[in-house]
Amino acid sequence: VTLAVIEGTEYRRVISISGAGRSSSFPDDERVPLE
């Protein structure tokens, strides 16, 4: 589950939380192009 903020042509991943028994594979505050 990811809380993301859209900023122009990219989104910023504020926080990601993994389901039970899983480890997080995404760094927080990562910026990802929308395209």
PDB file of all heavy atoms in Angstrom:
ATOM      1  N   VAL A   1       0.872  -1.179   0.000  1.00  0.00           N
ATOM      2  CA  VAL A   1       0.000   0.000   0.000  1.00  0.00           C
ATOM      3  C   VAL A   1       0.901   1.220   0.000  1.00  0.00           C
ATOM      4  O   VAL A   1       1.806   1.334   0.833  1.00  0.00           O
ATOM      5  CB  VAL A   1      -0.919   0.028   1.235  1.00  0.00           C
ATOM      6  CG1 VAL A   1      -1.688   1.351   1.289  1.00  0.00           C
ATOM      7  CG2 VAL A   1      -1.910  -1.118   1.198  1.00  0.00           C
ATOM      8  N   THR A   2       0.645   2.133  -0.936  1.00  0.00           N
ATOM      9  CA  THR A   2       1.511   3.299  -1.099  1.00  0.00           C
ATOM     10  C   THR A   2       0.704   4.588  -1.020  1.00  0.00           C
ATOM     11  O   THR A   2      -0.360   4.692  -1.639  1.00  0.00           O
ATOM     12  CB  THR A   2       2.249   3.251  -2.447  1.00  0.00           C
ATOM     13  OG1 THR A   2       3.112   2.101  -2.469  1.00  0.00           O
ATOM     14  CG2 THR A   2       3.078   4.505  -2.669  1.00  0.00           C
ATOM     15  N   LEU A   3       1.203   5.539  -0.256  1.00  0.00           N
ATOM     16  CA  LEU A   3       0.664   6.890  -0.247  1.00  0.00           C
ATOM     17  C   LEU A   3       1.578   7.726  -1.137  1.00  0.00           C
ATOM     18  O   LEU A   3       2.766   7.884  -0.851  1.00  0.00           O
ATOM     19  CB  LEU A   3       0.638   7.455   1.175  1.00  0.00           C
ATOM     20  CG  LEU A   3       0.179   8.908   1.326  1.00  0.00           C
ATOM     21  CD1 LEU A   3      -1.261   9.072   0.850  1.00  0.00           C
ATOM     22  CD2 LEU A   3       0.321   9.371   2.767  1.00  0.00           C
ATOM     23  N   ALA A   4       1.010   8.230  -2.262  1.00  0.00           N
ATOM     24  CA  ALA A   4       1.813   8.964  -3.233  1.00  0.00           C
ATOM     25  C   ALA A   4       1.214  10.338  -3.492  1.00  0.00           C
ATOM     26  O   ALA A   4       0.003  10.540  -3.372  1.00  0.00           O
ATOM     27  CB  ALA A   4       1.905   8.186  -4.541  1.00  0.00           C
ATOM     28  N   VAL A   5       2.067  11.273  -3.850  1.00  0.00           N
ATOM     29  CA  VAL A   5       1.649  12.639  -4.179  1.00  0.00           C
ATOM     30  C   VAL A   5       2.053  12.921  -5.617  1.00  0.00           C
ATOM     31  O   VAL A   5       3.221  12.730  -5.987  1.00  0.00           O
ATOM     32  CB  VAL A   5       2.309  13.668  -3.232  1.00  0.00           C
ATOM     33  CG1 VAL A   5       1.911  15.077  -3.640  1.00  0.00           C
ATOM     34  CG2 VAL A   5       1.926  13.389  -1.785  1.00  0.00           C
ATOM     35  N   ILE A   6       1.101  13.337  -6.451  1.00  0.00           N
ATOM     36  CA  ILE A   6       1.402  13.675  -7.839  1.00  0.00           C
ATOM     37  C   ILE A   6       2.012  15.074  -7.884  1.00  0.00           C
ATOM     38  O   ILE A   6       1.427  16.039  -7.385  1.00  0.00           O
ATOM     39  CB  ILE A   6       0.127  13.644  -8.708  1.00  0.00           C
ATOM     40  CG1 ILE A   6      -0.592  12.303  -8.552  1.00  0.00           C
ATOM     41  CG2 ILE A   6       0.458  13.913 -10.167  1.00  0.00           C
ATOM     42  CD1 ILE A   6       0.232  11.102  -8.947  1.00  0.00           C
ATOM     43  N   GLU A   7       3.180  15.183  -8.494  1.00  0.00           N
ATOM     44  CA  GLU A   7       3.882  16.461  -8.604  1.00  0.00           C
ATOM     45  C   GLU A   7       4.336  16.645 -10.046  1.00  0.00           C
ATOM     46  O   GLU A   7       5.395  16.156 -10.448  1.00  0.00           O
ATOM     47  CB  GLU A   7       5.077  16.514  -7.642  1.00  0.00           C
ATOM     48  CG  GLU A   7       4.666  16.422  -6.170  1.00  0.00           C
ATOM     49  CD  GLU A   7       5.854  16.422  -5.218  1.00  0.00           C
ATOM     50  OE1 GLU A   7       6.986  16.093  -5.670  1.00  0.00           O
ATOM     51  OE2 GLU A   7       5.667  16.748  -4.032  1.00  0.00           O
ATOM     52  N   GLY A   8       3.492  17.320 -10.834  1.00  0.00           N
ATOM     53  CA  GLY A   8       3.834  17.556 -12.235  1.00  0.00           C
ATOM     54  C   GLY A   8       3.851  16.272 -13.039  1.00  0.00           C
ATOM     55  O   GLY A   8       2.853  15.564 -13.130  1.00  0.00           O
ATOM     56  N   THR A   9       5.007  15.941 -13.588  1.00  0.00           N
ATOM     57  CA  THR A   9       5.133  14.769 -14.457  1.00  0.00           C
ATOM     58  C   THR A   9       5.652  13.540 -13.710  1.00  0.00           C
ATOM     59  O   THR A   9       6.050  12.552 -14.330  1.00  0.00           O
ATOM     60  CB  THR A   9       6.085  15.077 -15.628  1.00  0.00           C
ATOM     61  OG1 THR A   9       7.374  15.439 -15.104  1.00  0.00           O
ATOM     62  CG2 THR A   9       5.534  16.207 -16.486  1.00  0.00           C
ATOM     63  N   GLU A  10       5.680  13.621 -12.408  1.00  0.00           N
ATOM     64  CA  GLU A  10       6.134  12.475 -11.623  1.00  0.00           C
ATOM     65  C   GLU A  10       5.327  12.384 -10.341  1.00  0.00           C
ATOM     66  O   GLU A  10       4.556  13.271 -10.000  1.00  0.00           O
ATOM     67  CB  GLU A  10       7.625  12.602 -11.288  1.00  0.00           C
ATOM     68  CG  GLU A  10       7.974  13.842 -10.487  1.00  0.00           C
ATOM     69  CD  GLU A  10       9.476  13.998 -10.272  1.00  0.00           C
ATOM     70  OE1 GLU A  10      10.245  13.335 -10.997  1.00  0.00           O
ATOM     71  OE2 GLU A  10       9.858  14.769  -9.389  1.00  0.00           O
ATOM     72  N   TYR A  11       5.435  11.241  -9.680  1.00  0.00           N
ATOM     73  CA  TYR A  11       4.795  11.122  -8.373  1.00  0.00           C
ATOM     74  C   TYR A  11       5.847  10.797  -7.329  1.00  0.00           C
ATOM     75  O   TYR A  11       6.874  10.169  -7.614  1.00  0.00           O
ATOM     76  CB  TYR A  11       3.666  10.084  -8.382  1.00  0.00           C
ATOM     77  CG  TYR A  11       4.084   8.636  -8.456  1.00  0.00           C
ATOM     78  CD1 TYR A  11       4.355   7.904  -7.284  1.00  0.00           C
ATOM     79  CD2 TYR A  11       4.160   7.966  -9.680  1.00  0.00           C
ATOM     80  CE1 TYR A  11       4.711   6.574  -7.352  1.00  0.00           C
ATOM     81  CE2 TYR A  11       4.515   6.635  -9.740  1.00  0.00           C
ATOM     82  CZ  TYR A  11       4.782   5.933  -8.583  1.00  0.00           C
ATOM     83  OH  TYR A  11       5.133   4.612  -8.640  1.00  0.00           O
ATOM     84  N   ARG A  12       5.572  11.269  -6.119  1.00  0.00           N
ATOM     85  CA  ARG A  12       6.506  11.041  -5.015  1.00  0.00           C
ATOM     86  C   ARG A  12       5.866  10.052  -4.038  1.00  0.00           C
ATOM     87  O   ARG A  12       4.766  10.263  -3.552  1.00  0.00           O
ATOM     88  CB  ARG A  12       6.826  12.356  -4.309  1.00  0.00           C
ATOM     89  CG  ARG A  12       7.728  12.201  -3.084  1.00  0.00           C
ATOM     90  CD  ARG A  12       8.240  13.570  -2.619  1.00  0.00           C
ATOM     91  NE  ARG A  12       7.148  14.481  -2.314  1.00  0.00           N
ATOM     92  CZ  ARG A  12       6.562  14.546  -1.113  1.00  0.00           C
ATOM     93  NH1 ARG A  12       6.957  13.759  -0.118  1.00  0.00           N
ATOM     94  NH2 ARG A  12       5.582  15.409  -0.894  1.00  0.00           N
ATOM     95  N   ARG A  13       6.557   8.962  -3.813  1.00  0.00           N
ATOM     96  CA  ARG A  13       6.084   7.939  -2.898  1.00  0.00           C
ATOM     97  C   ARG A  13       6.389   8.387  -1.470  1.00  0.00           C
ATOM     98  O   ARG A  13       7.538   8.379  -1.030  1.00  0.00           O
ATOM     99  CB  ARG A  13       6.740   6.595  -3.206  1.00  0.00           C
ATOM    100  CG  ARG A  13       6.212   5.440  -2.397  1.00  0.00           C
ATOM    101  CD  ARG A  13       6.865   4.125  -2.763  1.00  0.00           C
ATOM    102  NE  ARG A  13       6.411   3.636  -4.051  1.00  0.00           N
ATOM    103  CZ  ARG A  13       7.157   3.577  -5.142  1.00  0.00           C
ATOM    104  NH1 ARG A  13       8.408   4.015  -5.107  1.00  0.00           N
ATOM    105  NH2 ARG A  13       6.683   3.118  -6.277  1.00  0.00           N
ATOM    106  N   VAL A  14       5.356   8.808  -0.729  1.00  0.00           N
ATOM    107  CA  VAL A  14       5.555   9.310   0.623  1.00  0.00           C
ATOM    108  C   VAL A  14       5.901   8.171   1.571  1.00  0.00           C
ATOM    109  O   VAL A  14       6.839   8.258   2.357  1.00  0.00           O
ATOM    110  CB  VAL A  14       4.286  10.049   1.117  1.00  0.00           C
ATOM    111  CG1 VAL A  14       4.488  10.550   2.548  1.00  0.00           C
ATOM    112  CG2 VAL A  14       3.957  11.213   0.187  1.00  0.00           C
ATOM    113  N   ILE A  15       5.117   7.116   1.494  1.00  0.00           N
ATOM    114  CA  ILE A  15       5.344   5.974   2.375  1.00  0.00           C
ATOM    115  C   ILE A  15       4.736   4.737   1.742  1.00  0.00           C
ATOM    116  O   ILE A  15       3.693   4.803   1.098  1.00  0.00           O
ATOM    117  CB  ILE A  15       4.725   6.209   3.782  1.00  0.00           C
ATOM    118  CG1 ILE A  15       4.964   5.023   4.713  1.00  0.00           C
ATOM    119  CG2 ILE A  15       3.248   6.514   3.683  1.00  0.00           C
ATOM    120  CD1 ILE A  15       6.395   4.821   5.129  1.00  0.00           C
ATOM    121  N   SER A  16       5.413   3.606   1.865  1.00  0.00           N
ATOM    122  CA  SER A  16       4.880   2.332   1.397  1.00  0.00           C
ATOM    123  C   SER A  16       4.865   1.348   2.557  1.00  0.00           C
ATOM    124  O   SER A  16       5.827   1.282   3.336  1.00  0.00           O
ATOM    125  CB  SER A  16       5.721   1.759   0.250  1.00  0.00           C
ATOM    126  OG  SER A  16       5.542   2.508  -0.932  1.00  0.00           O
ATOM    127  N   ILE A  17       3.784   0.609   2.655  1.00  0.00           N
ATOM    128  CA  ILE A  17       3.665  -0.400   3.700  1.00  0.00           C
ATOM    129  C   ILE A  17       3.363  -1.734   3.045  1.00  0.00           C
ATOM    130  O   ILE A  17       2.494  -1.828   2.173  1.00  0.00           O
ATOM    131  CB  ILE A  17       2.545  -0.032   4.705  1.00  0.00           C
ATOM    132  CG1 ILE A  17       2.953   1.223   5.485  1.00  0.00           C
ATOM    133  CG2 ILE A  17       2.228  -1.181   5.639  1.00  0.00           C
ATOM    134  CD1 ILE A  17       1.943   1.669   6.505  1.00  0.00           C
ATOM    135  N   SER A  18       4.077  -2.764   3.451  1.00  0.00           N
ATOM    136  CA  SER A  18       3.896  -4.087   2.877  1.00  0.00           C
ATOM    137  C   SER A  18       2.850  -4.869   3.639  1.00  0.00           C
ATOM    138  O   SER A  18       2.570  -4.608   4.810  1.00  0.00           O
ATOM    139  CB  SER A  18       5.228  -4.855   2.903  1.00  0.00           C
ATOM    140  OG  SER A  18       6.202  -4.189   2.143  1.00  0.00           O
ATOM    141  N   GLY A  19       2.255  -5.845   2.925  1.00  0.00           N
ATOM    142  CA  GLY A  19       1.287  -6.726   3.557  1.00  0.00           C
ATOM    143  C   GLY A  19       1.960  -7.663   4.535  1.00  0.00           C
ATOM    144  O   GLY A  19       3.195  -7.721   4.634  1.00  0.00           O
ATOM    145  N   ALA A  20       1.152  -8.412   5.255  1.00  0.00           N
ATOM    146  CA  ALA A  20       1.664  -9.325   6.280  1.00  0.00           C
ATOM    147  C   ALA A  20       2.641 -10.322   5.668  1.00  0.00           C
ATOM    148  O   ALA A  20       2.390 -10.912   4.622  1.00  0.00           O
ATOM    149  CB  ALA A  20       0.500 -10.074   6.935  1.00  0.00           C
ATOM    150  N   GLY A  21       3.747 -10.462   6.328  1.00  0.00           N
ATOM    151  CA  GLY A  21       4.730 -11.445   5.903  1.00  0.00           C
ATOM    152  C   GLY A  21       5.581 -11.017   4.733  1.00  0.00           C
ATOM    153  O   GLY A  21       6.359 -11.799   4.201  1.00  0.00           O
ATOM    154  N   ARG A  22       5.479  -9.782   4.305  1.00  0.00           N
ATOM    155  CA  ARG A  22       6.258  -9.288   3.170  1.00  0.00           C
ATOM    156  C   ARG A  22       7.157  -8.140   3.623  1.00  0.00           C
ATOM    157  O   ARG A  22       6.820  -7.414   4.543  1.00  0.00           O
ATOM    158  CB  ARG A  22       5.344  -8.801   2.037  1.00  0.00           C
ATOM    159  CG  ARG A  22       4.394  -9.868   1.503  1.00  0.00           C
ATOM    160  CD  ARG A  22       3.482  -9.271   0.437  1.00  0.00           C
ATOM    161  NE  ARG A  22       2.486 -10.204  -0.034  1.00  0.00           N
ATOM    162  CZ  ARG A  22       2.665 -11.056  -1.042  1.00  0.00           C
ATOM    163  NH1 ARG A  22       3.820 -11.074  -1.680  1.00  0.00           N
ATOM    164  NH2 ARG A  22       1.712 -11.869  -1.419  1.00  0.00           N
ATOM    165  N   SER A  23       8.272  -7.999   2.936  1.00  0.00           N
ATOM    166  CA  SER A  23       9.167  -6.892   3.254  1.00  0.00           C
ATOM    167  C   SER A  23       8.995  -5.804   2.202  1.00  0.00           C
ATOM    168  O   SER A  23       8.686  -6.073   1.045  1.00  0.00           O
ATOM    169  CB  SER A  23      10.624  -7.378   3.260  1.00  0.00           C
ATOM    170  OG  SER A  23      10.967  -7.941   2.011  1.00  0.00           O
ATOM    171  N   SER A  24       9.165  -4.554   2.625  1.00  0.00           N
ATOM    172  CA  SER A  24       8.988  -3.437   1.715  1.00  0.00           C
ATOM    173  C   SER A  24      10.071  -3.445   0.646  1.00  0.00           C
ATOM    174  O   SER A  24      11.245  -3.647   0.928  1.00  0.00           O
ATOM    175  CB  SER A  24       9.040  -2.113   2.491  1.00  0.00           C
ATOM    176  OG  SER A  24       8.910  -1.031   1.607  1.00  0.00           O
ATOM    177  N   SER A  25       9.628  -3.243  -0.614  1.00  0.00           N
ATOM    178  CA  SER A  25      10.597  -3.255  -1.716  1.00  0.00           C
ATOM    179  C   SER A  25      10.755  -1.870  -2.335  1.00  0.00           C
ATOM    180  O   SER A  25      11.468  -1.721  -3.315  1.00  0.00           O
ATOM    181  CB  SER A  25      10.140  -4.245  -2.797  1.00  0.00           C
ATOM    182  OG  SER A  25       8.832  -3.949  -3.238  1.00  0.00           O
ATOM    183  N   PHE A  26      10.078  -0.863  -1.771  1.00  0.00           N
ATOM    184  CA  PHE A  26      10.143   0.487  -2.324  1.00  0.00           C
ATOM    185  C   PHE A  26      10.667   1.459  -1.277  1.00  0.00           C
ATOM    186  O   PHE A  26      10.187   1.465  -0.144  1.00  0.00           O
ATOM    187  CB  PHE A  26       8.762   0.953  -2.777  1.00  0.00           C
ATOM    188  CG  PHE A  26       8.153   0.095  -3.847  1.00  0.00           C
ATOM    189  CD1 PHE A  26       7.010  -0.636  -3.571  1.00  0.00           C
ATOM    190  CD2 PHE A  26       8.717   0.025  -5.100  1.00  0.00           C
ATOM    191  CE1 PHE A  26       6.438  -1.434  -4.554  1.00  0.00           C
ATOM    192  CE2 PHE A  26       8.152  -0.767  -6.092  1.00  0.00           C
ATOM    193  CZ  PHE A  26       7.014  -1.505  -5.812  1.00  0.00           C
ATOM    194  N   PRO A  27      11.625   2.294  -1.633  1.00  0.00           N
ATOM    195  CA  PRO A  27      12.099   3.306  -0.686  1.00  0.00           C
ATOM    196  C   PRO A  27      11.092   4.433  -0.548  1.00  0.00           C
ATOM    197  O   PRO A  27      10.425   4.807  -1.511  1.00  0.00           O
ATOM    198  CB  PRO A  27      13.401   3.803  -1.342  1.00  0.00           C
ATOM    199  CG  PRO A  27      13.207   3.555  -2.804  1.00  0.00           C
ATOM    200  CD  PRO A  27      12.366   2.313  -2.902  1.00  0.00           C
ATOM    201  N   ASP A  28      10.981   4.980   0.675  1.00  0.00           N
ATOM    202  CA  ASP A  28      10.101   6.119   0.889  1.00  0.00           C
ATOM    203  C   ASP A  28      10.687   7.369   0.235  1.00  0.00           C
ATOM    204  O   ASP A  28      11.894   7.497   0.070  1.00  0.00           O
ATOM    205  CB  ASP A  28       9.927   6.370   2.394  1.00  0.00           C
ATOM    206  CG  ASP A  28       9.218   5.219   3.081  1.00  0.00           C
ATOM    207  OD1 ASP A  28       8.594   4.405   2.369  1.00  0.00           O
ATOM    208  OD2 ASP A  28       9.309   5.134   4.321  1.00  0.00           O
ATOM    209  N   ASP A  29       9.807   8.281  -0.142  1.00  0.00           N
ATOM    210  CA  ASP A  29      10.162   9.557  -0.742  1.00  0.00           C
ATOM    211  C   ASP A  29      10.821   9.400  -2.114  1.00  0.00           C
ATOM    212  O   ASP A  29      11.478  10.328  -2.608  1.00  0.00           O
ATOM    213  CB  ASP A  29      11.073  10.372   0.190  1.00  0.00           C
ATOM    214  CG  ASP A  29      10.721  11.852   0.144  1.00  0.00           C
ATOM    215  OD1 ASP A  29       9.520  12.173   0.049  1.00  0.00           O
ATOM    216  OD2 ASP A  29      11.650  12.674   0.183  1.00  0.00           O
ATOM    217  N   GLU A  30      10.648   8.263  -2.736  1.00  0.00           N
ATOM    218  CA  GLU A  30      11.174   8.040  -4.086  1.00  0.00           C
ATOM    219  C   GLU A  30      10.330   8.813  -5.093  1.00  0.00           C
ATOM    220  O   GLU A  30       9.109   8.903  -4.967  1.00  0.00           O
ATOM    221  CB  GLU A  30      11.130   6.549  -4.421  1.00  0.00           C
ATOM    222  CG  GLU A  30      11.627   6.214  -5.823  1.00  0.00           C
ATOM    223  CD  GLU A  30      11.420   4.750  -6.166  1.00  0.00           C
ATOM    224  OE1 GLU A  30      10.508   4.132  -5.582  1.00  0.00           O
ATOM    225  OE2 GLU A  30      12.158   4.238  -7.015  1.00  0.00           O
ATOM    226  N   ARG A  31      10.954   9.387  -6.114  1.00  0.00           N
ATOM    227  CA  ARG A  31      10.244  10.097  -7.171  1.00  0.00           C
ATOM    228  C   ARG A  31      10.283   9.243  -8.432  1.00  0.00           C
ATOM    229  O   ARG A  31      11.346   8.776  -8.845  1.00  0.00           O
ATOM    230  CB  ARG A  31      10.878  11.465  -7.430  1.00  0.00           C
ATOM    231  CG  ARG A  31      10.736  12.406  -6.244  1.00  0.00           C
ATOM    232  CD  ARG A  31      11.390  13.754  -6.489  1.00  0.00           C
ATOM    233  NE  ARG A  31      11.271  14.607  -5.317  1.00  0.00           N
ATOM    234  CZ  ARG A  31      10.226  15.394  -5.072  1.00  0.00           C
ATOM    235  NH1 ARG A  31       9.222  15.436  -5.943  1.00  0.00           N
ATOM    236  NH2 ARG A  31      10.180  16.135  -3.981  1.00  0.00           N
ATOM    237  N   VAL A  32       9.097   9.064  -9.049  1.00  0.00           N
ATOM    238  CA  VAL A  32       8.979   8.173 -10.205  1.00  0.00           C
ATOM    239  C   VAL A  32       8.266   8.908 -11.328  1.00  0.00           C
ATOM    240  O   VAL A  32       7.199   9.490 -11.101  1.00  0.00           O
ATOM    241  CB  VAL A  32       8.176   6.900  -9.834  1.00  0.00           C
ATOM    242  CG1 VAL A  32       8.074   5.964 -11.036  1.00  0.00           C
ATOM    243  CG2 VAL A  32       8.809   6.195  -8.648  1.00  0.00           C
ATOM    244  N   PRO A  33       8.826   8.916 -12.553  1.00  0.00           N
ATOM    245  CA  PRO A  33       8.143   9.555 -13.683  1.00  0.00           C
ATOM    246  C   PRO A  33       6.804   8.878 -13.949  1.00  0.00           C
ATOM    247  O   PRO A  33       6.690   7.647 -13.871  1.00  0.00           O
ATOM    248  CB  PRO A  33       9.112   9.349 -14.854  1.00  0.00           C
ATOM    249  CG  PRO A  33      10.443   9.108 -14.211  1.00  0.00           C
ATOM    250  CD  PRO A  33      10.148   8.391 -12.923  1.00  0.00           C
ATOM    251  N   LEU A  34       5.793   9.690 -14.264  1.00  0.00           N
ATOM    252  CA  LEU A  34       4.473   9.140 -14.558  1.00  0.00           C
ATOM    253  C   LEU A  34       4.430   8.468 -15.927  1.00  0.00           C
ATOM    254  O   LEU A  34       3.740   7.467 -16.104  1.00  0.00           O
ATOM    255  CB  LEU A  34       3.422  10.252 -14.517  1.00  0.00           C
ATOM    256  CG  LEU A  34       2.976  10.711 -13.125  1.00  0.00           C
ATOM    257  CD1 LEU A  34       2.097  11.959 -13.248  1.00  0.00           C
ATOM    258  CD2 LEU A  34       2.212   9.610 -12.408  1.00  0.00           C
ATOM    259  N   GLU A  35       5.170   9.006 -16.895  1.00  0.00           N
ATOM    260  CA  GLU A  35       5.122   8.486 -18.255  1.00  0.00           C
ATOM    261  C   GLU A  35       5.565   7.026 -18.287  1.00  0.00           C
ATOM    262  O   GLU A  35       6.627   6.664 -17.771  1.00  0.00           O
ATOM    263  CB  GLU A  35       6.009   9.327 -19.182  1.00  0.00           C
ATOM    264  CG  GLU A  35       5.876   8.918 -20.639  1.00  0.00           C
ATOM    265  CD  GLU A  35       6.697   9.801 -21.555  1.00  0.00           C
ATOM    266  OE1 GLU A  35       7.304  10.782 -21.060  1.00  0.00           O
ATOM    267  OE2 GLU A  35       6.734   9.519 -22.765  1.00  0.00           O
TER     268      GLU A  35
END
